[in-house]
Amino acid sequence: MDSTTSELAASAPAVRTPLASTASDGLKIAIVGGFGVGKTTMVRSVSEIRPLNTEETMTRAGVGIDDARGADGKTTTTVAFDFGRISLNDEMVLYLFGAPGQERFWFLWDRLFSGTLGAVVLVDPRRLEDSWYAIDRLEHHGMPFVLARNNFGPPEHTLEEVRDALSLPPEIPMVDCDARSRESSKAVLIALVNHLYTLSFAREHAL
């Protein structure tokens, strides 16, 4: 998908899709990561409803407080959370919560994690260090997660090199994605759901 097409797909309003009457399993998923890595874009691209977002225009007041390095051209920032929904099948629904990336809003994360079953750590391969806080908080909460590398261009390193740089254990799934693409973002969420089921299956058979 070229950038023009994918940007249009991400910005187009989502079709209003009513929640299926057969829906019985709801999973709360958090999408976390540093500033400007594409969390709002991912929620917007994959949600089957018009996403709720709390983006505000960045102003001079944030100069010296917000670190916008590596996010050239970004003019807005999430100040609370993004919310979207996607039905995986007739019974299972994912409720998506995109966390704010700016350091001054990190205090919201612990509350956002309440009731969350798993998370996506979205990373910009040009700024891997921005994902350390997200990984640390998830490990602190003992929350399962997958890491998704949002490729803003041809990747310069393999996923295994990224794993080594972030000191991630081999059991943490890692995937490449384009957060602007619905299908690519959906594949990330499916990877997380599969990871959650694998962990649940392992726990059941360990008893």
C-alpha atoms as a PDB file:
ATOM      1  CA  MET A   1       0.000   0.000   0.000  1.00  0.00           C
ATOM      2  CA  ASP A   2       1.500   3.356  -1.006  1.00  0.00           C
ATOM      3  CA  SER A   3       1.577   6.184   1.533  1.00  0.00           C
ATOM      4  CA  THR A   4      -1.145   8.239  -0.149  1.00  0.00           C
ATOM      5  CA  THR A   5      -3.608   5.357  -0.254  1.00  0.00           C
ATOM      6  CA  SER A   6      -2.874   4.259   3.301  1.00  0.00           C
ATOM      7  CA  GLU A   7      -3.141   7.795   4.671  1.00  0.00           C
ATOM      8  CA  LEU A   8      -6.535   8.176   3.041  1.00  0.00           C
ATOM      9  CA  ALA A   9      -7.628   4.833   4.469  1.00  0.00           C
ATOM     10  CA  ALA A  10      -6.552   5.887   7.943  1.00  0.00           C
ATOM     11  CA  SER A  11      -8.252   9.274   7.767  1.00  0.00           C
ATOM     12  CA  ALA A  12     -11.519   8.090   6.210  1.00  0.00           C
ATOM     13  CA  PRO A  13     -14.412   7.940   8.707  1.00  0.00           C
ATOM     14  CA  ALA A  14     -15.176   4.413   9.865  1.00  0.00           C
ATOM     15  CA  VAL A  15     -18.486   2.876   8.861  1.00  0.00           C
ATOM     16  CA  ARG A  16     -20.947   2.754  11.747  1.00  0.00           C
ATOM     17  CA  THR A  17     -21.030  -0.930  12.631  1.00  0.00           C
ATOM     18  CA  PRO A  18     -23.479  -1.999  15.350  1.00  0.00           C
ATOM     19  CA  LEU A  19     -22.225  -4.453  17.926  1.00  0.00           C
ATOM     20  CA  ALA A  20     -23.399  -7.956  17.013  1.00  0.00           C
ATOM     21  CA  SER A  21     -26.099  -9.392  19.263  1.00  0.00           C
ATOM     22  CA  THR A  22     -24.020 -12.586  19.454  1.00  0.00           C
ATOM     23  CA  ALA A  23     -21.010 -10.786  20.959  1.00  0.00           C
ATOM     24  CA  SER A  24     -20.214 -12.398  24.299  1.00  0.00           C
ATOM     25  CA  ASP A  25     -16.476 -11.974  24.868  1.00  0.00           C
ATOM     26  CA  GLY A  26     -14.997  -8.500  25.199  1.00  0.00           C
ATOM     27  CA  LEU A  27     -11.253  -8.016  25.528  1.00  0.00           C
ATOM     28  CA  LYS A  28      -9.727  -4.711  26.590  1.00  0.00           C
ATOM     29  CA  ILE A  29      -6.485  -4.066  24.729  1.00  0.00           C
ATOM     30  CA  ALA A  30      -4.026  -1.209  25.268  1.00  0.00           C
ATOM     31  CA  ILE A  31      -1.797   0.234  22.572  1.00  0.00           C
ATOM     32  CA  VAL A  32       1.224   1.902  24.125  1.00  0.00           C
ATOM     33  CA  GLY A  33       4.503   3.397  23.031  1.00  0.00           C
ATOM     34  CA  GLY A  34       6.411   6.623  22.754  1.00  0.00           C
ATOM     35  CA  PHE A  35       5.285   9.923  21.318  1.00  0.00           C
ATOM     36  CA  GLY A  36       4.466   9.916  17.618  1.00  0.00           C
ATOM     37  CA  VAL A  37       4.899   6.175  17.008  1.00  0.00           C
ATOM     38  CA  GLY A  38       1.428   5.779  15.450  1.00  0.00           C
ATOM     39  CA  LYS A  39      -0.888   4.705  18.269  1.00  0.00           C
ATOM     40  CA  THR A  40      -3.736   7.045  17.283  1.00  0.00           C
ATOM     41  CA  THR A  41      -3.232   6.084  13.640  1.00  0.00           C
ATOM     42  CA  MET A  42      -3.502   2.384  14.458  1.00  0.00           C
ATOM     43  CA  VAL A  43      -6.725   2.808  16.447  1.00  0.00           C
ATOM     44  CA  ARG A  44      -8.158   4.989  13.681  1.00  0.00           C
ATOM     45  CA  SER A  45      -7.216   2.604  10.878  1.00  0.00           C
ATOM     46  CA  VAL A  46      -8.552  -0.590  12.452  1.00  0.00           C
ATOM     47  CA  SER A  47     -11.623   0.527  14.407  1.00  0.00           C
ATOM     48  CA  GLU A  48     -14.991  -0.480  12.974  1.00  0.00           C
ATOM     49  CA  ILE A  49     -16.610   2.519  14.664  1.00  0.00           C
ATOM     50  CA  ARG A  50     -15.679   6.172  14.492  1.00  0.00           C
ATOM     51  CA  PRO A  51     -12.867   6.314  17.062  1.00  0.00           C
ATOM     52  CA  LEU A  52     -13.003   8.518  20.098  1.00  0.00           C
ATOM     53  CA  ASN A  53      -9.802  10.470  20.403  1.00  0.00           C
ATOM     54  CA  THR A  54      -8.509  13.243  22.611  1.00  0.00           C
ATOM     55  CA  GLU A  55      -5.980  14.807  20.288  1.00  0.00           C
ATOM     56  CA  GLU A  56      -5.119  18.435  20.930  1.00  0.00           C
ATOM     57  CA  THR A  57      -2.974  20.829  18.943  1.00  0.00           C
ATOM     58  CA  MET A  58       0.586  21.128  20.188  1.00  0.00           C
ATOM     59  CA  THR A  59       1.401  24.687  21.230  1.00  0.00           C
ATOM     60  CA  ARG A  60       4.356  26.750  22.366  1.00  0.00           C
ATOM     61  CA  ALA A  61       3.463  25.810  25.944  1.00  0.00           C
ATOM     62  CA  GLY A  62       4.864  22.350  25.298  1.00  0.00           C
ATOM     63  CA  VAL A  63       8.254  23.587  24.105  1.00  0.00           C
ATOM     64  CA  GLY A  64      10.911  22.343  26.495  1.00  0.00           C
ATOM     65  CA  ILE A  65       8.434  19.916  28.092  1.00  0.00           C
ATOM     66  CA  ASP A  66       7.357  17.629  25.251  1.00  0.00           C
ATOM     67  CA  ASP A  67      10.083  15.786  23.377  1.00  0.00           C
ATOM     68  CA  ALA A  68       9.055  15.862  19.712  1.00  0.00           C
ATOM     69  CA  ARG A  69      12.385  14.739  18.308  1.00  0.00           C
ATOM     70  CA  GLY A  70      11.983  12.225  15.506  1.00  0.00           C
ATOM     71  CA  ALA A  71       8.322  13.141  14.981  1.00  0.00           C
ATOM     72  CA  ASP A  72       8.800  15.878  12.425  1.00  0.00           C
ATOM     73  CA  GLY A  73       5.591  17.460  11.170  1.00  0.00           C
ATOM     74  CA  LYS A  74       3.455  16.190  14.045  1.00  0.00           C
ATOM     75  CA  THR A  75       1.128  18.975  15.211  1.00  0.00           C
ATOM     76  CA  THR A  76      -1.246  17.149  17.577  1.00  0.00           C
ATOM     77  CA  THR A  77      -0.883  14.895  20.598  1.00  0.00           C
ATOM     78  CA  THR A  78      -3.161  12.582  22.574  1.00  0.00           C
ATOM     79  CA  VAL A  79      -3.885  13.986  26.030  1.00  0.00           C
ATOM     80  CA  ALA A  80      -6.042  11.187  27.494  1.00  0.00           C
ATOM     81  CA  PHE A  81      -6.611   8.132  25.308  1.00  0.00           C
ATOM     82  CA  ASP A  82      -7.958   6.911  21.977  1.00  0.00           C
ATOM     83  CA  PHE A  83     -10.805   4.410  21.893  1.00  0.00           C
ATOM     84  CA  GLY A  84     -11.933   2.068  19.142  1.00  0.00           C
ATOM     85  CA  ARG A  85     -13.610  -1.293  18.625  1.00  0.00           C
ATOM     86  CA  ILE A  86     -13.085  -4.243  16.321  1.00  0.00           C
ATOM     87  CA  SER A  87     -15.035  -7.510  16.089  1.00  0.00           C
ATOM     88  CA  LEU A  88     -12.772 -10.486  15.441  1.00  0.00           C
ATOM     89  CA  ASN A  89     -15.733 -12.804  14.936  1.00  0.00           C
ATOM     90  CA  ASP A  90     -19.424 -13.055  15.903  1.00  0.00           C
ATOM     91  CA  GLU A  91     -18.559 -13.546  19.572  1.00  0.00           C
ATOM     92  CA  MET A  92     -15.228 -11.865  20.275  1.00  0.00           C
ATOM     93  CA  VAL A  93     -14.810  -8.084  20.375  1.00  0.00           C
ATOM     94  CA  LEU A  94     -11.669  -6.095  21.071  1.00  0.00           C
ATOM     95  CA  TYR A  95     -11.975  -2.721  22.792  1.00  0.00           C
ATOM     96  CA  LEU A  96      -8.907  -0.672  21.925  1.00  0.00           C
ATOM     97  CA  PHE A  97      -7.393   1.991  24.156  1.00  0.00           C
ATOM     98  CA  GLY A  98      -4.490   4.007  22.779  1.00  0.00           C
ATOM     99  CA  ALA A  99      -2.363   5.476  25.567  1.00  0.00           C
ATOM    100  CA  PRO A 100      -0.879   8.994  25.400  1.00  0.00           C
ATOM    101  CA  GLY A 101       2.792   8.986  24.491  1.00  0.00           C
ATOM    102  CA  GLN A 102       3.969  12.238  26.052  1.00  0.00           C
ATOM    103  CA  GLU A 103       5.879  11.747  29.313  1.00  0.00           C
ATOM    104  CA  ARG A 104       3.701  14.275  31.177  1.00  0.00           C
ATOM    105  CA  PHE A 105       0.652  12.044  30.577  1.00  0.00           C
ATOM    106  CA  TRP A 106       2.251   8.765  31.654  1.00  0.00           C
ATOM    107  CA  PHE A 107       0.501   8.961  35.028  1.00  0.00           C
ATOM    108  CA  LEU A 108      -2.685   7.931  33.174  1.00  0.00           C
ATOM    109  CA  TRP A 109      -1.232   4.611  32.084  1.00  0.00           C
ATOM    110  CA  ASP A 110      -1.696   2.653  35.322  1.00  0.00           C
ATOM    111  CA  ARG A 111      -5.386   3.543  35.404  1.00  0.00           C
ATOM    112  CA  LEU A 112      -5.729   2.688  31.715  1.00  0.00           C
ATOM    113  CA  PHE A 113      -4.216  -0.744  32.382  1.00  0.00           C
ATOM    114  CA  SER A 114      -7.003  -1.650  34.820  1.00  0.00           C
ATOM    115  CA  GLY A 115      -8.957  -4.557  33.324  1.00  0.00           C
ATOM    116  CA  THR A 116      -6.633  -4.789  30.323  1.00  0.00           C
ATOM    117  CA  LEU A 117      -5.784  -8.340  29.234  1.00  0.00           C
ATOM    118  CA  GLY A 118      -2.903  -7.521  26.940  1.00  0.00           C
ATOM    119  CA  ALA A 119      -1.102  -4.765  25.100  1.00  0.00           C
ATOM    120  CA  VAL A 120       0.601  -3.822  21.871  1.00  0.00           C
ATOM    121  CA  VAL A 121       3.875  -1.958  22.225  1.00  0.00           C
ATOM    122  CA  LEU A 122       4.152   0.085  19.049  1.00  0.00           C
ATOM    123  CA  VAL A 123       7.690   1.201  18.263  1.00  0.00           C
ATOM    124  CA  ASP A 124       9.335   3.514  15.799  1.00  0.00           C
ATOM    125  CA  PRO A 125      12.516   1.704  14.660  1.00  0.00           C
ATOM    126  CA  ARG A 126      14.276   5.066  14.502  1.00  0.00           C
ATOM    127  CA  ARG A 127      13.597   5.699  18.226  1.00  0.00           C
ATOM    128  CA  LEU A 128      13.667   2.321  19.962  1.00  0.00           C
ATOM    129  CA  GLU A 129      14.612   3.916  23.285  1.00  0.00           C
ATOM    130  CA  ASP A 130      11.163   5.555  23.428  1.00  0.00           C
ATOM    131  CA  SER A 131       9.607   2.128  24.038  1.00  0.00           C
ATOM    132  CA  TRP A 132      11.559   1.343  27.207  1.00  0.00           C
ATOM    133  CA  TYR A 133       9.067   2.986  29.542  1.00  0.00           C
ATOM    134  CA  ALA A 134       6.119   1.132  27.987  1.00  0.00           C
ATOM    135  CA  ILE A 135       7.885  -2.220  28.270  1.00  0.00           C
ATOM    136  CA  ASP A 136       8.911  -1.485  31.853  1.00  0.00           C
ATOM    137  CA  ARG A 137       5.347  -0.605  32.927  1.00  0.00           C
ATOM    138  CA  LEU A 138       3.866  -3.689  31.248  1.00  0.00           C
ATOM    139  CA  GLU A 139       6.434  -5.953  32.892  1.00  0.00           C
ATOM    140  CA  HIS A 140       5.720  -4.246  36.227  1.00  0.00           C
ATOM    141  CA  HIS A 141       2.018  -5.077  35.836  1.00  0.00           C
ATOM    142  CA  GLY A 142       2.785  -8.591  34.584  1.00  0.00           C
ATOM    143  CA  MET A 143       0.749  -7.850  31.468  1.00  0.00           C
ATOM    144  CA  PRO A 144       1.242  -9.922  28.289  1.00  0.00           C
ATOM    145  CA  PHE A 145       2.205  -7.935  25.225  1.00  0.00           C
ATOM    146  CA  VAL A 146       3.444  -8.139  21.669  1.00  0.00           C
ATOM    147  CA  LEU A 147       5.824  -5.690  20.058  1.00  0.00           C
ATOM    148  CA  ALA A 148       4.893  -4.194  16.683  1.00  0.00           C
ATOM    149  CA  ARG A 149       7.496  -2.318  14.664  1.00  0.00           C
ATOM    150  CA  ASN A 150       5.741   0.454  12.753  1.00  0.00           C
ATOM    151  CA  ASN A 151       7.855   0.783   9.642  1.00  0.00           C
ATOM    152  CA  PHE A 152       8.141   4.351   8.392  1.00  0.00           C
ATOM    153  CA  GLY A 153      10.431   3.106   5.636  1.00  0.00           C
ATOM    154  CA  PRO A 154      12.528   0.050   4.742  1.00  0.00           C
ATOM    155  CA  PRO A 155      13.728  -1.499   8.029  1.00  0.00           C
ATOM    156  CA  GLU A 156      17.447  -1.218   8.662  1.00  0.00           C
ATOM    157  CA  HIS A 157      17.563  -4.049  11.204  1.00  0.00           C
ATOM    158  CA  THR A 158      15.964  -7.458  11.608  1.00  0.00           C
ATOM    159  CA  LEU A 159      13.326  -8.042  14.250  1.00  0.00           C
ATOM    160  CA  GLU A 160      15.769 -10.221  16.139  1.00  0.00           C
ATOM    161  CA  GLU A 161      18.238  -7.344  16.245  1.00  0.00           C
ATOM    162  CA  VAL A 162      15.450  -5.178  17.658  1.00  0.00           C
ATOM    163  CA  ARG A 163      14.721  -7.897  20.230  1.00  0.00           C
ATOM    164  CA  ASP A 164      18.362  -7.893  21.299  1.00  0.00           C
ATOM    165  CA  ALA A 165      18.457  -4.090  21.513  1.00  0.00           C
ATOM    166  CA  LEU A 166      15.409  -4.075  23.794  1.00  0.00           C
ATOM    167  CA  SER A 167      16.495  -7.176  25.767  1.00  0.00           C
ATOM    168  CA  LEU A 168      13.167  -8.898  25.097  1.00  0.00           C
ATOM    169  CA  PRO A 169      12.852 -12.611  25.909  1.00  0.00           C
ATOM    170  CA  PRO A 170      12.193 -14.978  22.988  1.00  0.00           C
ATOM    171  CA  GLU A 171       8.609 -15.702  24.050  1.00  0.00           C
ATOM    172  CA  ILE A 172       7.496 -12.110  23.334  1.00  0.00           C
ATOM    173  CA  PRO A 173       6.008 -12.061  19.792  1.00  0.00           C
ATOM    174  CA  MET A 174       7.322  -9.398  17.434  1.00  0.00           C
ATOM    175  CA  VAL A 175       5.742  -8.323  14.164  1.00  0.00           C
ATOM    176  CA  ASP A 176       6.197  -5.694  11.489  1.00  0.00           C
ATOM    177  CA  CYS A 177       3.297  -3.438  10.613  1.00  0.00           C
ATOM    178  CA  ASP A 178       2.072  -0.317   8.886  1.00  0.00           C
ATOM    179  CA  ALA A 179      -0.219   1.403  11.396  1.00  0.00           C
ATOM    180  CA  ARG A 180      -1.972   3.235   8.552  1.00  0.00           C
ATOM    181  CA  SER A 181      -3.194  -0.036   7.068  1.00  0.00           C
ATOM    182  CA  ARG A 182      -6.323  -1.693   8.467  1.00  0.00           C
ATOM    183  CA  GLU A 183      -5.208  -5.192   7.487  1.00  0.00           C
ATOM    184  CA  SER A 184      -1.715  -4.708   8.885  1.00  0.00           C
ATOM    185  CA  SER A 185      -3.034  -3.312  12.184  1.00  0.00           C
ATOM    186  CA  LYS A 186      -5.593  -6.100  12.402  1.00  0.00           C
ATOM    187  CA  ALA A 187      -2.801  -8.658  11.982  1.00  0.00           C
ATOM    188  CA  VAL A 188      -1.033  -7.115  15.007  1.00  0.00           C
ATOM    189  CA  LEU A 189      -4.161  -7.476  17.136  1.00  0.00           C
ATOM    190  CA  ILE A 190      -4.645 -11.071  15.997  1.00  0.00           C
ATOM    191  CA  ALA A 191      -1.030 -11.780  16.983  1.00  0.00           C
ATOM    192  CA  LEU A 192      -1.784 -10.434  20.447  1.00  0.00           C
ATOM    193  CA  VAL A 193      -4.980 -12.501  20.787  1.00  0.00           C
ATOM    194  CA  ASN A 194      -3.088 -15.632  19.710  1.00  0.00           C
ATOM    195  CA  HIS A 195      -0.403 -14.828  22.282  1.00  0.00           C
ATOM    196  CA  LEU A 196      -3.033 -14.472  25.021  1.00  0.00           C
ATOM    197  CA  TYR A 197      -4.586 -17.809  24.079  1.00  0.00           C
ATOM    198  CA  THR A 198      -1.175 -19.492  24.054  1.00  0.00           C
ATOM    199  CA  LEU A 199      -0.446 -18.211  27.554  1.00  0.00           C
ATOM    200  CA  SER A 200      -3.906 -19.219  28.791  1.00  0.00           C
ATOM    201  CA  PHE A 201      -3.504 -22.715  27.328  1.00  0.00           C
ATOM    202  CA  ALA A 202      -0.084 -23.088  28.944  1.00  0.00           C
ATOM    203  CA  ARG A 203      -1.417 -22.035  32.353  1.00  0.00           C
ATOM    204  CA  GLU A 204      -4.345 -24.452  32.168  1.00  0.00           C
ATOM    205  CA  HIS A 205      -2.097 -27.398  31.360  1.00  0.00           C
ATOM    206  CA  ALA A 206       0.420 -26.450  34.021  1.00  0.00           C
ATOM    207  CA  LEU A 207      -2.150 -26.951  36.777  1.00  0.00           C
END
